[in-house]
PDB file of N, CA and C in Angstrom:
ATOM      1  N   MET A   1      -5.733  12.797   5.794  1.00  0.00           N
ATOM      2  CA  MET A   1      -5.780  11.713   6.556  1.00  0.00           C
ATOM      3  C   MET A   1      -4.809  10.941   7.201  1.00  0.00           C
ATOM      4  N   THR A   2      -4.673  10.905   8.459  1.00  0.00           N
ATOM      5  CA  THR A   2      -3.528  10.326   9.298  1.00  0.00           C
ATOM      6  C   THR A   2      -3.382   8.942   8.972  1.00  0.00           C
ATOM      7  N   ALA A   3      -2.384   8.151   9.734  1.00  0.00           N
ATOM      8  CA  ALA A   3      -2.199   6.816   9.433  1.00  0.00           C
ATOM      9  C   ALA A   3      -3.331   6.276  10.392  1.00  0.00           C
ATOM     10  N   GLY A   4      -3.352   6.914  11.432  1.00  0.00           N
ATOM     11  CA  GLY A   4      -4.712   6.309  12.661  1.00  0.00           C
ATOM     12  C   GLY A   4      -5.882   6.254  11.744  1.00  0.00           C
ATOM     13  N   GLN A   5      -6.348   7.382  11.246  1.00  0.00           N
ATOM     14  CA  GLN A   5      -7.591   7.413  10.630  1.00  0.00           C
ATOM     15  C   GLN A   5      -7.559   6.566   9.284  1.00  0.00           C
ATOM     16  N   LEU A   6      -6.712   6.309   8.639  1.00  0.00           N
ATOM     17  CA  LEU A   6      -6.532   5.172   7.333  1.00  0.00           C
ATOM     18  C   LEU A   6      -7.080   3.869   8.164  1.00  0.00           C
ATOM     19  N   CYS A   7      -6.174   3.425   9.318  1.00  0.00           N
ATOM     20  CA  CYS A   7      -6.576   2.075   9.845  1.00  0.00           C
ATOM     21  C   CYS A   7      -7.884   2.167  10.255  1.00  0.00           C
ATOM     22  N   ASP A   8      -8.307   3.074  11.152  1.00  0.00           N
ATOM     23  CA  ASP A   8      -9.685   3.058  11.682  1.00  0.00           C
ATOM     24  C   ASP A   8     -10.691   2.783  10.462  1.00  0.00           C
ATOM     25  N   LEU A   9     -10.746   3.817   9.412  1.00  0.00           N
ATOM     26  CA  LEU A   9     -11.473   3.599   8.213  1.00  0.00           C
ATOM     27  C   LEU A   9     -11.613   2.097   7.733  1.00  0.00           C
ATOM     28  N   ARG A  10     -10.205   1.526   7.439  1.00  0.00           N
ATOM     29  CA  ARG A  10     -10.313   0.191   7.074  1.00  0.00           C
ATOM     30  C   ARG A  10     -11.030  -0.820   7.823  1.00  0.00           C
ATOM     31  N   GLN A  11     -10.752  -0.646   9.118  1.00  0.00           N
ATOM     32  CA  GLN A  11     -11.273  -1.609  10.022  1.00  0.00           C
ATOM     33  C   GLN A  11     -12.810  -1.522  10.181  1.00  0.00           C
ATOM     34  N   ARG A  12     -13.354  -0.224  10.366  1.00  0.00           N
ATOM     35  CA  ARG A  12     -14.583  -0.031  10.371  1.00  0.00           C
ATOM     36  C   ARG A  12     -15.529  -0.441   9.205  1.00  0.00           C
ATOM     37  N   ALA A  13     -14.455  -0.363   7.886  1.00  0.00           N
ATOM     38  CA  ALA A  13     -15.197  -0.828   6.484  1.00  0.00           C
ATOM     39  C   ALA A  13     -15.261  -2.573   6.476  1.00  0.00           C
ATOM     40  N   GLY A  14     -14.383  -3.345   7.625  1.00  0.00           N
ATOM     41  CA  GLY A  14     -14.419  -4.509   7.697  1.00  0.00           C
ATOM     42  C   GLY A  14     -13.511  -4.912   6.214  1.00  0.00           C
ATOM     43  N   ILE A  15     -12.610  -4.477   5.929  1.00  0.00           N
ATOM     44  CA  ILE A  15     -11.627  -4.891   4.846  1.00  0.00           C
ATOM     45  C   ILE A  15     -10.406  -5.237   5.227  1.00  0.00           C
ATOM     46  N   THR A  16      -9.525  -6.075   4.705  1.00  0.00           N
ATOM     47  CA  THR A  16      -8.188  -6.400   5.015  1.00  0.00           C
ATOM     48  C   THR A  16      -7.255  -5.258   4.364  1.00  0.00           C
ATOM     49  N   GLN A  17      -6.115  -5.044   4.720  1.00  0.00           N
ATOM     50  CA  GLN A  17      -4.962  -4.169   4.097  1.00  0.00           C
ATOM     51  C   GLN A  17      -4.770  -4.464   2.700  1.00  0.00           C
ATOM     52  N   THR A  18      -4.848  -5.952   2.452  1.00  0.00           N
ATOM     53  CA  THR A  18      -4.893  -6.281   1.009  1.00  0.00           C
ATOM     54  C   THR A  18      -5.859  -5.819  -0.006  1.00  0.00           C
ATOM     55  N   GLN A  19      -7.140  -5.642   0.659  1.00  0.00           N
ATOM     56  CA  GLN A  19      -8.520  -5.350   0.028  1.00  0.00           C
ATOM     57  C   GLN A  19      -8.301  -3.794   0.095  1.00  0.00           C
ATOM     58  N   ALA A  20      -7.700  -3.141   0.957  1.00  0.00           N
ATOM     59  CA  ALA A  20      -7.730  -1.526   1.038  1.00  0.00           C
ATOM     60  C   ALA A  20      -6.676  -1.058  -0.177  1.00  0.00           C
ATOM     61  N   ALA A  21      -5.625  -1.858  -0.108  1.00  0.00           N
ATOM     62  CA  ALA A  21      -4.675  -1.901  -1.107  1.00  0.00           C
ATOM     63  C   ALA A  21      -5.250  -1.684  -2.780  1.00  0.00           C
ATOM     64  N   GLU A  22      -5.670  -2.616  -2.863  1.00  0.00           N
ATOM     65  CA  GLU A  22      -6.473  -2.942  -4.160  1.00  0.00           C
ATOM     66  C   GLU A  22      -7.435  -1.974  -4.614  1.00  0.00           C
ATOM     67  N   LEU A  23      -8.309  -1.352  -3.477  1.00  0.00           N
ATOM     68  CA  LEU A  23      -9.151  -0.302  -3.819  1.00  0.00           C
ATOM     69  C   LEU A  23      -8.633   0.968  -4.137  1.00  0.00           C
ATOM     70  N   ALA A  24      -7.407   1.196  -3.475  1.00  0.00           N
ATOM     71  CA  ALA A  24      -6.680   2.511  -3.512  1.00  0.00           C
ATOM     72  C   ALA A  24      -5.770   2.313  -4.636  1.00  0.00           C
ATOM     73  N   GLY A  25      -5.527   1.395  -5.198  1.00  0.00           N
ATOM     74  CA  GLY A  25      -4.716   1.233  -6.118  1.00  0.00           C
ATOM     75  C   GLY A  25      -3.218   1.294  -6.072  1.00  0.00           C
ATOM     76  N   VAL A  26      -2.724   0.834  -4.764  1.00  0.00           N
ATOM     77  CA  VAL A  26      -1.433   0.858  -4.331  1.00  0.00           C
ATOM     78  C   VAL A  26      -0.967  -0.653  -3.813  1.00  0.00           C
ATOM     79  N   ALA A  27       0.457  -0.960  -3.682  1.00  0.00           N
ATOM     80  CA  ALA A  27       0.674  -2.124  -3.477  1.00  0.00           C
ATOM     81  C   ALA A  27       0.417  -2.451  -1.882  1.00  0.00           C
ATOM     82  N   LEU A  28       0.429  -3.531  -1.503  1.00  0.00           N
ATOM     83  CA  LEU A  28       0.107  -3.854  -0.142  1.00  0.00           C
ATOM     84  C   LEU A  28       1.214  -3.438   0.480  1.00  0.00           C
ATOM     85  N   ARG A  29       2.353  -3.562   0.450  1.00  0.00           N
ATOM     86  CA  ARG A  29       3.671  -2.939   1.289  1.00  0.00           C
ATOM     87  C   ARG A  29       3.254  -1.358   1.607  1.00  0.00           C
ATOM     88  N   THR A  30       3.152  -0.556   0.568  1.00  0.00           N
ATOM     89  CA  THR A  30       2.627   0.581   0.608  1.00  0.00           C
ATOM     90  C   THR A  30       1.398   1.010   1.316  1.00  0.00           C
ATOM     91  N   MET A  31       0.335   0.287   1.429  1.00  0.00           N
ATOM     92  CA  MET A  31      -0.566   0.420   2.366  1.00  0.00           C
ATOM     93  C   MET A  31      -0.108   0.151   3.769  1.00  0.00           C
ATOM     94  N   GLN A  32       0.719  -0.809   4.080  1.00  0.00           N
ATOM     95  CA  GLN A  32       1.029  -1.144   5.069  1.00  0.00           C
ATOM     96  C   GLN A  32       2.255   0.006   5.856  1.00  0.00           C
ATOM     97  N   GLN A  33       2.646   0.793   5.065  1.00  0.00           N
ATOM     98  CA  GLN A  33       3.667   1.891   5.333  1.00  0.00           C
ATOM     99  C   GLN A  33       2.834   3.103   5.669  1.00  0.00           C
ATOM    100  N   TYR A  34       1.792   3.378   4.895  1.00  0.00           N
ATOM    101  CA  TYR A  34       0.674   4.257   5.404  1.00  0.00           C
ATOM    102  C   TYR A  34       0.131   4.275   6.749  1.00  0.00           C
ATOM    103  N   GLU A  35      -0.569   2.915   6.939  1.00  0.00           N
ATOM    104  CA  GLU A  35      -0.992   2.610   8.161  1.00  0.00           C
ATOM    105  C   GLU A  35       0.041   2.683   9.377  1.00  0.00           C
ATOM    106  N   ALA A  36       1.246   2.392   9.123  1.00  0.00           N
ATOM    107  CA  ALA A  36       2.130   2.282  10.084  1.00  0.00           C
ATOM    108  C   ALA A  36       2.796   3.845  10.368  1.00  0.00           C
ATOM    109  N   GLY A  37       2.629   4.686   9.294  1.00  0.00           N
ATOM    110  CA  GLY A  37       2.981   6.178   9.600  1.00  0.00           C
ATOM    111  C   GLY A  37       4.367   6.347   9.123  1.00  0.00           C
ATOM    112  N   ASP A  38       4.511   5.169   8.279  1.00  0.00           N
ATOM    113  CA  ASP A  38       6.051   5.328   7.706  1.00  0.00           C
ATOM    114  C   ASP A  38       5.879   6.351   6.532  1.00  0.00           C
ATOM    115  N   ARG A  39       4.780   6.642   5.951  1.00  0.00           N
ATOM    116  CA  ARG A  39       4.555   7.278   4.727  1.00  0.00           C
ATOM    117  C   ARG A  39       3.391   7.991   5.040  1.00  0.00           C
ATOM    118  N   LEU A  40       3.340   9.359   4.215  1.00  0.00           N
ATOM    119  CA  LEU A  40       2.083  10.040   4.467  1.00  0.00           C
ATOM    120  C   LEU A  40       1.051   9.417   3.541  1.00  0.00           C
ATOM    121  N   VAL A  41      -0.051   9.713   3.778  1.00  0.00           N
ATOM    122  CA  VAL A  41      -1.252   9.048   3.165  1.00  0.00           C
ATOM    123  C   VAL A  41      -1.509  10.336   1.894  1.00  0.00           C
ATOM    124  N   PRO A  42      -1.394   9.991   0.468  1.00  0.00           N
ATOM    125  CA  PRO A  42      -2.016  11.036  -0.347  1.00  0.00           C
ATOM    126  C   PRO A  42      -3.334  11.142  -0.367  1.00  0.00           C
ATOM    127  N   ARG A  43      -4.008  12.351  -0.608  1.00  0.00           N
ATOM    128  CA  ARG A  43      -5.160  12.812  -0.972  1.00  0.00           C
ATOM    129  C   ARG A  43      -5.778  11.701  -1.708  1.00  0.00           C
ATOM    130  N   SER A  44      -5.070  11.419  -2.856  1.00  0.00           N
ATOM    131  CA  SER A  44      -5.856  10.482  -3.834  1.00  0.00           C
ATOM    132  C   SER A  44      -5.878   9.398  -3.158  1.00  0.00           C
ATOM    133  N   VAL A  45      -5.110   8.669  -2.329  1.00  0.00           N
ATOM    134  CA  VAL A  45      -5.188   7.356  -1.681  1.00  0.00           C
ATOM    135  C   VAL A  45      -6.707   7.290  -0.725  1.00  0.00           C
ATOM    136  N   SER A  46      -6.564   8.182  -0.028  1.00  0.00           N
ATOM    137  CA  SER A  46      -7.557   8.457   1.006  1.00  0.00           C
ATOM    138  C   SER A  46      -9.122   8.685   0.276  1.00  0.00           C
ATOM    139  N   GLY A  47      -8.965   9.427  -0.690  1.00  0.00           N
ATOM    140  CA  GLY A  47     -10.280   9.732  -1.329  1.00  0.00           C
ATOM    141  C   GLY A  47     -10.719   8.549  -1.986  1.00  0.00           C
ATOM    142  N   LEU A  48      -9.847   7.928  -2.769  1.00  0.00           N
ATOM    143  CA  LEU A  48     -10.158   6.624  -3.532  1.00  0.00           C
ATOM    144  C   LEU A  48     -10.760   5.440  -2.493  1.00  0.00           C
ATOM    145  N   LEU A  49     -10.232   5.360  -1.421  1.00  0.00           N
ATOM    146  CA  LEU A  49     -10.606   4.622  -0.356  1.00  0.00           C
ATOM    147  C   LEU A  49     -11.954   4.723   0.413  1.00  0.00           C
ATOM    148  N   CYS A  50     -12.260   5.921   0.493  1.00  0.00           N
ATOM    149  CA  CYS A  50     -13.409   6.661   1.047  1.00  0.00           C
ATOM    150  C   CYS A  50     -14.533   6.242   0.001  1.00  0.00           C
ATOM    151  N   LEU A  51     -14.353   6.697  -1.189  1.00  0.00           N
ATOM    152  CA  LEU A  51     -15.368   6.181  -2.289  1.00  0.00           C
ATOM    153  C   LEU A  51     -15.499   5.071  -2.420  1.00  0.00           C
ATOM    154  N   SER A  52     -14.460   3.993  -2.352  1.00  0.00           N
ATOM    155  CA  SER A  52     -14.664   2.763  -2.464  1.00  0.00           C
ATOM    156  C   SER A  52     -15.559   2.014  -1.425  1.00  0.00           C
ATOM    157  N   CYS A  53     -14.960   2.484  -0.277  1.00  0.00           N
ATOM    158  CA  CYS A  53     -16.234   1.929   0.818  1.00  0.00           C
ATOM    159  C   CYS A  53     -17.723   2.344   0.709  1.00  0.00           C
ATOM    160  N   ILE A  54     -17.917   3.456   0.351  1.00  0.00           N
ATOM    161  CA  ILE A  54     -19.151   3.749   0.032  1.00  0.00           C
ATOM    162  C   ILE A  54     -19.782   3.047  -1.234  1.00  0.00           C
ATOM    163  N   THR A  55     -19.123   3.089  -2.300  1.00  0.00           N
ATOM    164  CA  THR A  55     -19.599   2.198  -3.536  1.00  0.00           C
ATOM    165  C   THR A  55     -19.829   0.771  -3.341  1.00  0.00           C
ATOM    166  N   LEU A  56     -18.932  -0.089  -2.209  1.00  0.00           N
ATOM    167  CA  LEU A  56     -19.163  -1.145  -1.581  1.00  0.00           C
ATOM    168  C   LEU A  56     -20.481  -1.312  -0.733  1.00  0.00           C
ATOM    169  N   GLY A  57     -20.953  -0.222  -0.416  1.00  0.00           N
ATOM    170  CA  GLY A  57     -22.255  -0.256   0.335  1.00  0.00           C
ATOM    171  C   GLY A  57     -22.041  -0.029   1.834  1.00  0.00           C
ATOM    172  N   GLY A  58     -20.886   0.411   2.273  1.00  0.00           N
ATOM    173  CA  GLY A  58     -20.493   0.842   3.600  1.00  0.00           C
ATOM    174  C   GLY A  58     -21.596   1.855   4.030  1.00  0.00           C
ATOM    175  N   PRO A  59     -21.724   2.001   5.319  1.00  0.00           N
ATOM    176  CA  PRO A  59     -22.369   2.925   5.911  1.00  0.00           C
ATOM    177  C   PRO A  59     -21.824   4.373   5.682  1.00  0.00           C
ATOM    178  N   VAL A  60     -22.639   5.356   5.276  1.00  0.00           N
ATOM    179  CA  VAL A  60     -22.338   6.844   5.118  1.00  0.00           C
ATOM    180  C   VAL A  60     -21.375   7.348   6.128  1.00  0.00           C
ATOM    181  N   GLU A  61     -21.907   6.818   7.533  1.00  0.00           N
ATOM    182  CA  GLU A  61     -21.066   7.259   8.453  1.00  0.00           C
ATOM    183  C   GLU A  61     -19.613   6.806   8.680  1.00  0.00           C
ATOM    184  N   LEU A  62     -19.088   6.159   7.547  1.00  0.00           N
ATOM    185  CA  LEU A  62     -18.008   5.806   7.625  1.00  0.00           C
ATOM    186  C   LEU A  62     -17.048   7.050   7.177  1.00  0.00           C
ATOM    187  N   LEU A  63     -17.386   8.050   6.414  1.00  0.00           N
ATOM    188  CA  LEU A  63     -16.852   9.018   5.877  1.00  0.00           C
ATOM    189  C   LEU A  63     -17.112  10.225   6.784  1.00  0.00           C
ATOM    190  N   ALA A  64     -17.824  10.210   8.012  1.00  0.00           N
ATOM    191  CA  ALA A  64     -18.256  11.517   8.867  1.00  0.00           C
ATOM    192  C   ALA A  64     -16.890  12.379   9.246  1.00  0.00           C
ATOM    193  N   PRO A  65     -15.780  11.767   9.543  1.00  0.00           N
ATOM    194  CA  PRO A  65     -14.611  12.684   9.739  1.00  0.00           C
ATOM    195  C   PRO A  65     -14.275  13.528   8.614  1.00  0.00           C
ATOM    196  N   TRP A  66     -14.569  13.098   7.107  1.00  0.00           N
ATOM    197  CA  TRP A  66     -14.211  13.576   6.268  1.00  0.00           C
ATOM    198  C   TRP A  66     -15.307  14.298   5.298  1.00  0.00           C
ATOM    199  N   LEU A  67     -16.383  13.776   5.293  1.00  0.00           N
ATOM    200  CA  LEU A  67     -17.468  14.473   4.398  1.00  0.00           C
ATOM    201  C   LEU A  67     -18.627  14.250   5.456  1.00  0.00           C
ATOM    202  N   PRO A  68     -19.354  15.496   5.176  1.00  0.00           N
ATOM    203  CA  PRO A  68     -20.832  15.511   6.135  1.00  0.00           C
ATOM    204  C   PRO A  68     -21.587  14.609   5.261  1.00  0.00           C
ATOM    205  N   PRO A  69     -22.538  14.065   6.181  1.00  0.00           N
ATOM    206  CA  PRO A  69     -23.590  12.874   5.745  1.00  0.00           C
ATOM    207  C   PRO A  69     -24.132  13.308   4.527  1.00  0.00           C
ATOM    208  N   PRO A  70     -24.734  14.512   4.462  1.00  0.00           N
ATOM    209  CA  PRO A  70     -25.444  14.879   3.269  1.00  0.00           C
ATOM    210  C   PRO A  70     -24.678  14.816   2.006  1.00  0.00           C
ATOM    211  N   VAL A  71     -23.451  15.195   2.076  1.00  0.00           N
ATOM    212  CA  VAL A  71     -22.467  15.286   1.051  1.00  0.00           C
ATOM    213  C   VAL A  71     -22.355  13.684   0.562  1.00  0.00           C
ATOM    214  N   ALA A  72     -22.038  12.704   1.348  1.00  0.00           N
ATOM    215  CA  ALA A  72     -21.536  11.275   1.470  1.00  0.00           C
ATOM    216  C   ALA A  72     -22.744  10.673   0.787  1.00  0.00           C
ATOM    217  N   GLN A  73     -24.011  10.968   1.219  1.00  0.00           N
ATOM    218  CA  GLN A  73     -25.180  10.322   1.096  1.00  0.00           C
ATOM    219  C   GLN A  73     -25.371  10.749  -0.786  1.00  0.00           C
ATOM    220  N   ARG A  74     -25.051  11.796  -1.158  1.00  0.00           N
ATOM    221  CA  ARG A  74     -25.292  12.055  -2.409  1.00  0.00           C
ATOM    222  C   ARG A  74     -24.467  11.497  -3.367  1.00  0.00           C
ATOM    223  N   LEU A  75     -23.231  10.723  -2.898  1.00  0.00           N
ATOM    224  CA  LEU A  75     -22.424   9.873  -3.571  1.00  0.00           C
ATOM    225  C   LEU A  75     -23.035   8.196  -3.753  1.00  0.00           C
ATOM    226  N   ILE A  76     -23.865   8.013  -3.177  1.00  0.00           N
ATOM    227  CA  ILE A  76     -24.418   6.753  -3.224  1.00  0.00           C
ATOM    228  C   ILE A  76     -25.417   6.298  -4.337  1.00  0.00           C
TER     229      ILE A  76
END
């Protein structure tokens, strides 16, 4: 996941950087660095954030760039 994709996912999910950081298990400053492109986004962080968005009731379409809808649908 790129910095732009991470930012886009967070914004489409309607959550703040602070909330995204909490869901991904990282510090707010780290999340800010990911979104600014100052640090690479680890797969573990992108995966946790994607799963968290779905678990919190976000639409399956949020994950379309990373998971096909049938796969994402099974996560619900």
